[in-house]
Amino acid sequence: MDANDPFLTHRSPQHSGSSEPDQQSYRMPVLDSPYNQNNNNSGQHDPFNYGSGGNSNNKNTRHVSMQQNDGSVGKSPWRQRNYKTSIVFSTLLPFSLFAAIVLNYCYIYHHAAFLANIIVYGLAGAVLSGLAILMFGCVPIKSHSHKIWYTGFILNCLFAVIAGVAIGLYTYHSSYFYYWSINAGNSYDNVQPIQVIDDPLSYPDASIFTYSQDTKLQLDKALGLHGVDRVYCVVPVTDGSDVDANNVIQYFAVGMDCCNDRASFRCDSASDNTAFTGVVVPDQDAVVFGSTNEQYRNAITQATAVYDLSVSDNPTLVRWAKDASVIQSEYLREGILTCLYGGCVFLFVNFAVACLTHRAAKQQMSVGR
């Protein structure tokens, strides 16, 4: 064997007279490496030698013929930055999609439902198009690991659309609908709570009533109706006058989980004798998550039978308050908190899915796929 063979670094003493070289005495040359140039006179023939003076007998001179593919050896700072950037991108973009849909329902849907639906349909269509392109192979994917990443990313975006629609609609119907209705309605002062049945006063565009100073809640006629998980409370709004066949009760103060079964009502400002304001609880045209007003009307029907009340055919539901802005601010605060809670839960799930997707893609990359 040629002693000048560049692939041969040394022979083990026990094989010095043998025709077969030691398996550890060979290594793959490092091509296009500066260590392969002008190193013949340096005494260090091995660029990866951890010994000193090119001592080829050191057992640390065993060489790695190929770099491992698991990313643990020789991972460059650029690859690390690219990995972190990919995690951030695949987390924040679906979250931005989720936030845009939720805010769309909270602040646009009430004023321009058609425009809000167009925005949601457009975003959902873009995500579904991306998923279809990926499934049918319209765009070539470099490797199986890239396909895993793209699939996880598109599915995360689809989950963002579904969660955004669910949280957005729930927040709108439970809070923002009432908030915007108060803004859009009119206010009426010195309203008489007892209406004459032959000449009722109609306020279809009202959102706030300020009643006369002799108005009070008839607490001894309050009633609580037990629902599935809530108690729906109602109490007549009267002015102390007699209620007979010619005079009917038009207004009922309402609330949830703030009364007993009979003759008890602690909702909002019921205990404040200086409160004379009623904030209208409007009916919703399309209710996705159930109607609280229907439960209130069932409670009014039961109170009418229990207390033998004369009630209008279509009584108006109000929340009793000293200042209407307090009720409006409560609706807004509830809506914001719902958005924040939903956003935090989605962000956590979204980040977990992104990390799992990247882990699966990395495992595929380690096996060279």
Protein backbone atom coordinates (compact mmCIF):
# COMPACT_ATOMS: atom_id res chain seq x y z
CA MET A 1 0.00 0.00 0.00
CA ASP A 2 1.22 3.44 -0.89
CA ALA A 3 2.49 5.32 2.16
CA ASN A 4 1.63 8.62 0.45
CA ASP A 5 -2.01 7.73 0.17
CA PRO A 6 -3.88 10.89 1.28
CA PHE A 7 -6.69 8.78 2.75
CA LEU A 8 -4.25 6.95 5.04
CA THR A 9 -3.40 8.80 8.23
CA HIS A 10 -1.50 6.13 10.21
CA ARG A 11 -1.25 2.42 10.84
CA SER A 12 -1.74 0.78 14.17
CA PRO A 13 1.39 -0.99 15.45
CA GLN A 14 -0.29 -4.37 15.47
CA HIS A 15 -1.10 -4.01 11.79
CA SER A 16 2.25 -2.66 10.67
CA GLY A 17 3.16 -5.93 9.06
CA SER A 18 -0.28 -6.85 7.87
CA SER A 19 -1.60 -6.40 4.40
CA GLU A 20 -4.95 -5.17 5.76
CA PRO A 21 -5.03 -1.74 7.32
CA ASP A 22 -6.78 -0.84 10.56
CA GLN A 23 -10.39 0.34 10.03
CA GLN A 24 -9.75 3.43 12.15
CA SER A 25 -6.74 4.46 10.13
CA TYR A 26 -8.84 5.82 7.28
CA ARG A 27 -10.97 8.93 7.14
CA MET A 28 -12.94 10.76 4.51
CA PRO A 29 -11.09 13.85 3.28
CA VAL A 30 -12.69 17.24 3.92
CA LEU A 31 -13.22 18.63 0.45
CA ASP A 32 -12.84 22.30 -0.31
CA SER A 33 -11.60 22.93 3.20
CA PRO A 34 -8.80 25.36 3.98
CA TYR A 35 -7.35 22.66 6.21
CA ASN A 36 -6.51 20.61 3.14
CA GLN A 37 -4.33 23.39 1.74
CA ASN A 38 -0.72 24.02 2.78
CA ASN A 39 -0.92 21.79 5.83
CA ASN A 40 1.59 19.15 4.73
CA ASN A 41 4.43 20.85 6.63
CA SER A 42 2.47 21.85 9.70
CA GLY A 43 2.55 18.45 11.36
CA GLN A 44 -1.23 18.61 11.85
CA HIS A 45 -2.70 16.42 9.15
CA ASP A 46 -6.10 16.18 10.83
CA PRO A 47 -8.20 19.36 11.05
CA PHE A 48 -10.49 17.67 13.60
CA ASN A 49 -7.63 16.35 15.79
CA TYR A 50 -8.25 17.24 19.39
CA GLY A 51 -4.68 16.19 20.37
CA SER A 52 -1.57 18.33 20.10
CA GLY A 53 1.15 18.25 17.49
CA GLY A 54 -0.90 16.04 15.16
CA ASN A 55 -0.50 12.99 17.39
CA SER A 56 -2.34 10.40 15.37
CA ASN A 57 -2.15 7.83 18.17
CA ASN A 58 -4.63 9.79 20.31
CA LYS A 59 -7.98 8.00 20.34
CA ASN A 60 -9.70 11.33 19.81
CA THR A 61 -8.46 11.26 16.22
CA ARG A 62 -11.41 9.11 15.21
CA HIS A 63 -13.23 11.15 12.59
CA VAL A 64 -16.82 11.63 11.71
CA SER A 65 -17.31 10.67 8.12
CA MET A 66 -20.66 12.35 7.75
CA GLN A 67 -22.33 15.12 9.72
CA GLN A 68 -25.35 13.97 11.72
CA ASN A 69 -28.72 15.02 10.41
CA ASP A 70 -30.48 15.49 13.74
CA GLY A 71 -29.46 19.12 13.97
CA SER A 72 -27.62 18.60 17.26
CA VAL A 73 -24.13 18.66 15.71
CA GLY A 74 -22.91 21.76 14.01
CA LYS A 75 -26.19 23.66 14.16
CA SER A 76 -25.47 27.11 12.83
CA PRO A 77 -26.75 30.28 14.48
CA TRP A 78 -28.61 31.03 11.26
CA ARG A 79 -30.52 27.73 11.48
CA GLN A 80 -31.39 28.43 15.12
CA ARG A 81 -32.68 31.90 14.28
CA ASN A 82 -34.64 30.48 11.36
CA TYR A 83 -36.27 27.90 13.62
CA LYS A 84 -37.32 30.52 16.19
CA THR A 85 -38.61 32.83 13.47
CA SER A 86 -40.69 30.01 12.04
CA ILE A 87 -42.23 29.29 15.46
CA VAL A 88 -43.12 32.96 15.96
CA PHE A 89 -44.54 33.25 12.43
CA SER A 90 -46.70 30.13 12.68
CA THR A 91 -48.04 31.34 16.05
CA LEU A 92 -48.65 35.04 15.48
CA LEU A 93 -50.20 34.85 12.00
CA PRO A 94 -53.08 32.51 13.03
CA PHE A 95 -53.55 34.57 16.20
CA SER A 96 -53.78 37.75 14.10
CA LEU A 97 -56.39 36.02 11.94
CA PHE A 98 -58.34 35.03 15.06
CA ALA A 99 -58.16 38.56 16.51
CA ALA A 100 -59.27 40.16 13.23
CA ILE A 101 -62.39 37.99 13.05
CA VAL A 102 -63.32 38.56 16.71
CA LEU A 103 -62.91 42.34 16.43
CA ASN A 104 -64.84 42.27 13.18
CA TYR A 105 -67.88 40.84 14.97
CA CYS A 106 -67.48 43.15 17.96
CA TYR A 107 -67.09 46.48 16.15
CA ILE A 108 -68.33 46.09 12.55
CA TYR A 109 -71.05 43.44 12.56
CA HIS A 110 -73.67 45.54 14.38
CA HIS A 111 -73.32 48.51 11.99
CA ALA A 112 -72.61 46.69 8.71
CA ALA A 113 -73.43 43.00 8.95
CA PHE A 114 -72.99 42.43 5.21
CA LEU A 115 -69.48 43.89 5.21
CA ALA A 116 -68.53 41.91 8.31
CA ASN A 117 -69.70 38.67 6.70
CA ILE A 118 -67.77 39.44 3.51
CA ILE A 119 -64.59 39.89 5.58
CA VAL A 120 -65.09 36.56 7.37
CA TYR A 121 -65.96 34.70 4.15
CA GLY A 122 -62.90 36.16 2.44
CA LEU A 123 -60.52 35.10 5.20
CA ALA A 124 -62.07 31.64 5.42
CA GLY A 125 -61.88 31.25 1.65
CA ALA A 126 -58.20 32.16 1.61
CA VAL A 127 -57.40 29.57 4.27
CA LEU A 128 -59.45 26.84 2.59
CA SER A 129 -57.80 27.63 -0.74
CA GLY A 130 -54.38 27.20 0.84
CA LEU A 131 -55.45 23.87 2.30
CA ALA A 132 -56.83 22.67 -1.05
CA ILE A 133 -53.63 23.69 -2.86
CA LEU A 134 -51.59 21.75 -0.33
CA MET A 135 -53.80 18.66 -0.45
CA PHE A 136 -53.93 18.41 -4.25
CA GLY A 137 -50.23 19.11 -4.71
CA CYS A 138 -50.63 22.24 -6.85
CA VAL A 139 -47.42 23.64 -5.37
CA PRO A 140 -44.36 21.36 -5.20
CA ILE A 141 -43.04 20.82 -1.67
CA LYS A 142 -39.29 20.35 -1.22
CA SER A 143 -39.45 17.60 1.38
CA HIS A 144 -41.75 15.67 3.66
CA SER A 145 -40.72 17.83 6.63
CA HIS A 146 -41.76 20.98 4.76
CA LYS A 147 -45.11 19.39 3.95
CA ILE A 148 -45.69 18.65 7.64
CA TRP A 149 -44.95 22.28 8.53
CA TYR A 150 -47.23 23.70 5.83
CA THR A 151 -50.05 21.32 6.75
CA GLY A 152 -49.84 22.23 10.43
CA PHE A 153 -49.73 25.93 9.60
CA ILE A 154 -52.80 25.82 7.32
CA LEU A 155 -54.78 23.75 9.83
CA ASN A 156 -53.83 26.22 12.55
CA CYS A 157 -55.19 29.05 10.40
CA LEU A 158 -58.40 27.08 9.80
CA PHE A 159 -58.76 26.58 13.55
CA ALA A 160 -58.23 30.35 13.98
CA VAL A 161 -61.15 31.08 11.63
CA ILE A 162 -63.51 28.65 13.39
CA ALA A 163 -62.53 29.83 16.88
CA GLY A 164 -62.71 33.48 15.82
CA VAL A 165 -66.26 33.08 14.47
CA ALA A 166 -67.41 31.23 17.61
CA ILE A 167 -65.86 33.68 20.10
CA GLY A 168 -66.84 36.70 18.00
CA LEU A 169 -70.50 35.73 17.70
CA TYR A 170 -70.76 34.80 21.37
CA THR A 171 -69.18 38.09 22.46
CA TYR A 172 -71.41 40.10 20.17
CA HIS A 173 -74.69 38.48 21.20
CA SER A 174 -73.87 38.42 24.91
CA SER A 175 -72.36 41.91 25.31
CA TYR A 176 -71.71 44.09 22.29
CA PHE A 177 -75.23 43.84 20.90
CA TYR A 178 -76.61 45.50 24.04
CA TYR A 179 -73.74 48.01 24.16
CA TRP A 180 -74.33 49.22 20.60
CA SER A 181 -78.13 49.17 21.05
CA ILE A 182 -77.86 51.63 23.92
CA ASN A 183 -75.79 53.94 21.72
CA ALA A 184 -78.23 53.72 18.82
CA GLY A 185 -81.44 54.22 20.82
CA ASN A 186 -83.15 57.36 22.13
CA SER A 187 -83.73 58.50 25.71
CA TYR A 188 -87.12 59.47 27.13
CA ASP A 189 -87.73 61.41 30.35
CA ASN A 190 -90.59 61.48 32.87
CA VAL A 191 -92.08 58.22 31.63
CA GLN A 192 -95.12 56.83 33.45
CA PRO A 193 -94.67 53.12 34.21
CA ILE A 194 -98.38 52.25 34.27
CA GLN A 195 -99.95 52.39 30.83
CA VAL A 196 -103.60 52.87 29.89
CA ILE A 197 -104.64 49.81 27.96
CA ASP A 198 -106.76 51.78 25.46
CA ASP A 199 -104.04 54.36 24.75
CA PRO A 200 -100.63 52.83 25.33
CA LEU A 201 -97.53 54.91 24.77
CA SER A 202 -95.10 53.26 22.37
CA TYR A 203 -91.38 53.85 22.37
CA PRO A 204 -90.00 51.43 19.76
CA ASP A 205 -86.72 53.33 19.38
CA ALA A 206 -86.05 53.77 23.11
CA SER A 207 -82.93 52.55 24.83
CA ILE A 208 -83.11 54.55 28.09
CA PHE A 209 -86.14 55.52 30.17
CA THR A 210 -86.06 58.05 33.00
CA TYR A 211 -89.21 57.46 35.02
CA SER A 212 -91.22 59.86 37.13
CA GLN A 213 -90.10 60.45 40.71
CA ASP A 214 -92.91 58.36 42.19
CA THR A 215 -91.80 55.26 40.29
CA LYS A 216 -90.60 52.28 42.30
CA LEU A 217 -90.00 48.57 42.02
CA GLN A 218 -92.83 46.50 43.50
CA LEU A 219 -90.52 44.10 45.29
CA ASP A 220 -93.29 42.08 46.91
CA LYS A 221 -94.31 40.98 43.40
CA ALA A 222 -90.81 39.86 42.31
CA LEU A 223 -90.23 36.34 41.05
CA GLY A 224 -87.27 34.15 40.18
CA LEU A 225 -87.49 31.49 37.49
CA HIS A 226 -84.89 28.72 37.60
CA GLY A 227 -83.39 27.85 34.25
CA VAL A 228 -80.80 25.22 33.39
CA ASP A 229 -77.96 26.98 35.16
CA ARG A 230 -79.25 30.51 35.86
CA VAL A 231 -82.04 32.19 37.81
CA TYR A 232 -84.04 34.72 35.77
CA CYS A 233 -85.42 37.52 37.96
CA VAL A 234 -88.28 39.91 37.17
CA VAL A 235 -90.09 42.61 39.14
CA PRO A 236 -92.88 45.04 38.07
CA VAL A 237 -92.07 48.76 37.69
CA THR A 238 -95.02 50.72 39.13
CA ASP A 239 -95.86 54.18 40.45
CA GLY A 240 -98.04 53.10 43.39
CA SER A 241 -101.32 53.52 41.52
CA ASP A 242 -103.90 50.78 41.38
CA VAL A 243 -103.54 48.24 38.62
CA ASP A 244 -106.86 47.03 37.25
CA ALA A 245 -108.37 45.94 33.98
CA ASN A 246 -107.87 49.40 32.47
CA ASN A 247 -104.30 49.93 33.65
CA VAL A 248 -101.55 47.48 32.85
CA ILE A 249 -97.92 47.05 33.84
CA GLN A 250 -95.73 47.87 30.85
CA TYR A 251 -92.22 47.65 32.34
CA PHE A 252 -90.38 44.92 34.21
CA ALA A 253 -86.92 45.22 35.70
CA VAL A 254 -84.88 42.09 35.00
CA GLY A 255 -81.62 40.46 36.00
CA MET A 256 -79.92 37.09 36.45
CA ASP A 257 -78.89 35.29 39.63
CA CYS A 258 -79.86 38.20 41.90
CA CYS A 259 -83.13 37.12 43.53
CA ASN A 260 -84.90 34.38 45.44
CA ASP A 261 -87.93 32.46 44.24
CA ARG A 262 -90.43 35.00 45.59
CA ALA A 263 -90.53 38.65 46.77
CA SER A 264 -86.81 39.29 46.39
CA PHE A 265 -84.87 41.36 43.83
CA ARG A 266 -81.28 42.59 44.27
CA CYS A 267 -80.26 43.21 40.67
CA ASP A 268 -78.27 46.31 39.62
CA SER A 269 -79.50 49.41 41.55
CA ALA A 270 -82.68 47.89 43.00
CA SER A 271 -81.66 48.84 46.53
CA ASP A 272 -81.00 52.49 45.61
CA ASN A 273 -84.06 54.64 46.30
CA THR A 274 -82.67 57.42 44.09
CA ALA A 275 -82.56 55.23 40.99
CA PHE A 276 -85.28 55.98 38.40
CA THR A 277 -83.64 54.88 35.16
CA GLY A 278 -84.39 51.82 33.08
CA VAL A 279 -82.00 50.63 30.35
CA VAL A 280 -83.90 48.65 27.74
CA VAL A 281 -82.91 45.01 27.18
CA PRO A 282 -83.76 44.66 23.47
CA ASP A 283 -84.80 41.50 21.67
CA GLN A 284 -82.36 40.06 19.18
CA ASP A 285 -83.45 39.11 15.68
CA ALA A 286 -81.10 36.13 15.38
CA VAL A 287 -79.84 34.55 18.55
CA VAL A 288 -77.22 31.83 18.19
CA PHE A 289 -76.50 31.09 21.84
CA GLY A 290 -80.00 31.19 23.31
CA SER A 291 -82.37 34.01 24.27
CA THR A 292 -82.37 35.40 27.80
CA ASN A 293 -85.38 37.58 26.96
CA GLU A 294 -87.48 34.51 26.29
CA GLN A 295 -86.65 33.24 29.78
CA TYR A 296 -87.56 36.65 31.25
CA ARG A 297 -90.93 36.56 29.51
CA ASN A 298 -91.57 33.08 30.87
CA ALA A 299 -90.85 34.44 34.34
CA ILE A 300 -93.27 37.35 33.72
CA THR A 301 -95.97 34.89 32.66
CA GLN A 302 -95.44 32.94 35.86
CA ALA A 303 -95.48 36.12 37.99
CA THR A 304 -98.71 37.19 36.31
CA ALA A 305 -100.34 33.92 37.33
CA VAL A 306 -98.89 33.88 40.85
CA TYR A 307 -99.65 37.50 41.78
CA ASP A 308 -102.72 38.02 39.53
CA LEU A 309 -101.13 40.96 37.69
CA SER A 310 -102.49 42.94 34.76
CA VAL A 311 -99.63 42.98 32.30
CA SER A 312 -99.27 44.40 28.82
CA ASP A 313 -99.27 41.96 25.92
CA ASN A 314 -95.71 42.99 25.08
CA PRO A 315 -94.00 44.22 28.26
CA THR A 316 -90.72 46.12 28.01
CA LEU A 317 -87.68 44.65 29.79
CA VAL A 318 -85.27 47.06 31.48
CA ARG A 319 -82.25 46.97 33.76
CA TRP A 320 -82.74 49.21 36.77
CA ALA A 321 -79.98 51.77 37.28
CA LYS A 322 -79.19 55.16 38.73
CA ASP A 323 -76.94 55.99 35.78
CA ALA A 324 -77.42 54.34 32.39
CA SER A 325 -73.72 54.73 31.55
CA VAL A 326 -72.89 52.23 34.32
CA ILE A 327 -74.92 49.52 32.56
CA GLN A 328 -73.41 50.40 29.20
CA SER A 329 -69.89 50.27 30.63
CA GLU A 330 -70.66 46.89 32.17
CA TYR A 331 -71.64 45.50 28.78
CA LEU A 332 -68.43 46.83 27.27
CA ARG A 333 -66.28 45.46 30.09
CA GLU A 334 -67.88 42.02 29.80
CA GLY A 335 -67.26 42.00 26.06
CA ILE A 336 -63.61 42.97 26.40
CA LEU A 337 -63.00 40.36 29.09
CA THR A 338 -64.61 37.67 26.94
CA CYS A 339 -62.33 38.61 24.05
CA LEU A 340 -59.25 38.57 26.29
CA TYR A 341 -60.07 35.20 27.86
CA GLY A 342 -60.83 33.66 24.49
CA GLY A 343 -57.69 35.17 22.98
CA CYS A 344 -55.46 33.84 25.76
CA VAL A 345 -56.86 30.32 25.44
CA PHE A 346 -56.49 30.38 21.67
CA LEU A 347 -52.93 31.73 21.85
CA PHE A 348 -51.91 28.94 24.23
CA VAL A 349 -53.45 26.22 22.04
CA ASN A 350 -52.05 27.83 18.91
CA PHE A 351 -48.52 27.96 20.33
CA ALA A 352 -48.71 24.34 21.48
CA VAL A 353 -49.84 23.18 18.03
CA ALA A 354 -47.06 25.20 16.36
CA CYS A 355 -44.42 23.64 18.60
CA LEU A 356 -45.72 20.11 17.99
CA THR A 357 -45.79 20.73 14.25
CA HIS A 358 -42.21 21.98 14.24
CA ARG A 359 -41.10 19.05 16.34
CA ALA A 360 -42.66 16.59 13.90
CA ALA A 361 -41.08 18.39 10.94
CA LYS A 362 -37.70 18.37 12.66
CA GLN A 363 -37.92 14.64 13.29
CA GLN A 364 -38.60 14.06 9.61
CA MET A 365 -35.64 16.27 8.74
CA SER A 366 -33.38 14.17 11.00
CA VAL A 367 -34.06 11.09 8.90
CA GLY A 368 -33.37 13.01 5.72
CA ARG A 369 -36.94 13.29 4.43
